[in-house]
Amino acid sequence: MSDSKPVVPEKPEASEENEPKWDYTTSGQTFFIGALTVGLNLLVLILFLLYKTVPSVHAFFTGKPV
């Protein structure tokens, strides 16, 4: 049996440490964008279900009855 040493990741090179940071969003901004995305998706889903099931909503969007 051979004694295998655990693989230790190498330290990043000096050029990688000096690279600019590109993610300038805070956790609050990230949460807001995520909540906005989920909310708008739910709105689209509700409108679609109403469009398919309620004749007056279908007529509102298309201008003709079901």
C-alpha atoms as a PDB file:
ATOM      1  CA  MET A   1       0.000   0.000   0.000  1.00  0.00           C
ATOM      2  CA  SER A   2       1.197   3.454  -0.748  1.00  0.00           C
ATOM      3  CA  ASP A   3       0.893   6.382   1.590  1.00  0.00           C
ATOM      4  CA  SER A   4      -1.038   8.966  -0.393  1.00  0.00           C
ATOM      5  CA  LYS A   5      -0.967  12.538   0.784  1.00  0.00           C
ATOM      6  CA  PRO A   6      -4.117  14.635   0.588  1.00  0.00           C
ATOM      7  CA  VAL A   7      -4.224  16.969  -2.358  1.00  0.00           C
ATOM      8  CA  VAL A   8      -3.779  20.539  -1.197  1.00  0.00           C
ATOM      9  CA  PRO A   9      -5.031  23.171  -3.610  1.00  0.00           C
ATOM     10  CA  GLU A  10      -2.391  25.581  -4.746  1.00  0.00           C
ATOM     11  CA  LYS A  11      -2.542  29.193  -3.701  1.00  0.00           C
ATOM     12  CA  PRO A  12      -3.831  31.537  -6.384  1.00  0.00           C
ATOM     13  CA  GLU A  13      -1.155  33.375  -8.237  1.00  0.00           C
ATOM     14  CA  ALA A  14      -0.501  37.013  -7.503  1.00  0.00           C
ATOM     15  CA  SER A  15      -2.231  38.108 -10.721  1.00  0.00           C
ATOM     16  CA  GLU A  16      -5.510  36.444  -9.633  1.00  0.00           C
ATOM     17  CA  GLU A  17      -5.445  38.243  -6.283  1.00  0.00           C
ATOM     18  CA  ASN A  18      -5.174  41.619  -7.997  1.00  0.00           C
ATOM     19  CA  GLU A  19      -8.063  41.079 -10.401  1.00  0.00           C
ATOM     20  CA  PRO A  20     -11.003  43.457  -9.902  1.00  0.00           C
ATOM     21  CA  LYS A  21     -14.118  42.299  -8.128  1.00  0.00           C
ATOM     22  CA  TRP A  22     -17.035  42.125 -10.593  1.00  0.00           C
ATOM     23  CA  ASP A  23     -19.929  41.308  -8.270  1.00  0.00           C
ATOM     24  CA  TYR A  24     -20.862  44.579  -6.604  1.00  0.00           C
ATOM     25  CA  THR A  25     -24.354  43.550  -5.488  1.00  0.00           C
ATOM     26  CA  THR A  26     -25.281  43.337  -1.844  1.00  0.00           C
ATOM     27  CA  SER A  27     -27.289  40.514  -0.343  1.00  0.00           C
ATOM     28  CA  GLY A  28     -30.300  42.841  -0.112  1.00  0.00           C
ATOM     29  CA  GLN A  29     -30.135  43.618  -3.817  1.00  0.00           C
ATOM     30  CA  THR A  30     -29.786  39.937  -4.661  1.00  0.00           C
ATOM     31  CA  PHE A  31     -32.818  39.123  -2.508  1.00  0.00           C
ATOM     32  CA  PHE A  32     -34.847  41.909  -4.160  1.00  0.00           C
ATOM     33  CA  ILE A  33     -34.048  40.726  -7.682  1.00  0.00           C
ATOM     34  CA  GLY A  34     -34.873  37.118  -6.750  1.00  0.00           C
ATOM     35  CA  ALA A  35     -38.162  38.121  -5.112  1.00  0.00           C
ATOM     36  CA  LEU A  36     -39.054  40.303  -8.110  1.00  0.00           C
ATOM     37  CA  THR A  37     -38.358  37.418 -10.509  1.00  0.00           C
ATOM     38  CA  VAL A  38     -40.463  34.960  -8.518  1.00  0.00           C
ATOM     39  CA  GLY A  39     -43.282  37.509  -8.144  1.00  0.00           C
ATOM     40  CA  LEU A  40     -43.416  38.309 -11.856  1.00  0.00           C
ATOM     41  CA  ASN A  41     -43.368  34.603 -12.738  1.00  0.00           C
ATOM     42  CA  LEU A  42     -46.315  34.011 -10.391  1.00  0.00           C
ATOM     43  CA  LEU A  43     -48.168  36.932 -11.993  1.00  0.00           C
ATOM     44  CA  VAL A  44     -47.653  35.453 -15.469  1.00  0.00           C
ATOM     45  CA  LEU A  45     -48.788  32.033 -14.244  1.00  0.00           C
ATOM     46  CA  ILE A  46     -51.950  33.456 -12.656  1.00  0.00           C
ATOM     47  CA  LEU A  47     -52.788  35.475 -15.770  1.00  0.00           C
ATOM     48  CA  PHE A  48     -52.297  32.402 -17.955  1.00  0.00           C
ATOM     49  CA  LEU A  49     -54.545  30.265 -15.766  1.00  0.00           C
ATOM     50  CA  LEU A  50     -57.215  32.968 -15.765  1.00  0.00           C
ATOM     51  CA  TYR A  51     -56.879  33.296 -19.548  1.00  0.00           C
ATOM     52  CA  LYS A  52     -57.458  29.559 -19.991  1.00  0.00           C
ATOM     53  CA  THR A  53     -60.286  29.143 -17.461  1.00  0.00           C
ATOM     54  CA  VAL A  54     -62.280  32.404 -17.259  1.00  0.00           C
ATOM     55  CA  PRO A  55     -64.105  33.346 -20.483  1.00  0.00           C
ATOM     56  CA  SER A  56     -64.271  37.069 -19.661  1.00  0.00           C
ATOM     57  CA  VAL A  57     -60.493  37.241 -19.130  1.00  0.00           C
ATOM     58  CA  HIS A  58     -59.951  35.415 -22.424  1.00  0.00           C
ATOM     59  CA  ALA A  59     -62.255  37.870 -24.158  1.00  0.00           C
ATOM     60  CA  PHE A  60     -60.415  40.811 -22.559  1.00  0.00           C
ATOM     61  CA  PHE A  61     -57.061  39.734 -23.971  1.00  0.00           C
ATOM     62  CA  THR A  62     -58.151  38.454 -27.380  1.00  0.00           C
ATOM     63  CA  GLY A  63     -61.245  40.535 -28.076  1.00  0.00           C
ATOM     64  CA  LYS A  64     -63.288  37.467 -29.012  1.00  0.00           C
ATOM     65  CA  PRO A  65     -65.176  34.933 -26.919  1.00  0.00           C
ATOM     66  CA  VAL A  66     -63.894  31.459 -26.138  1.00  0.00           C
END
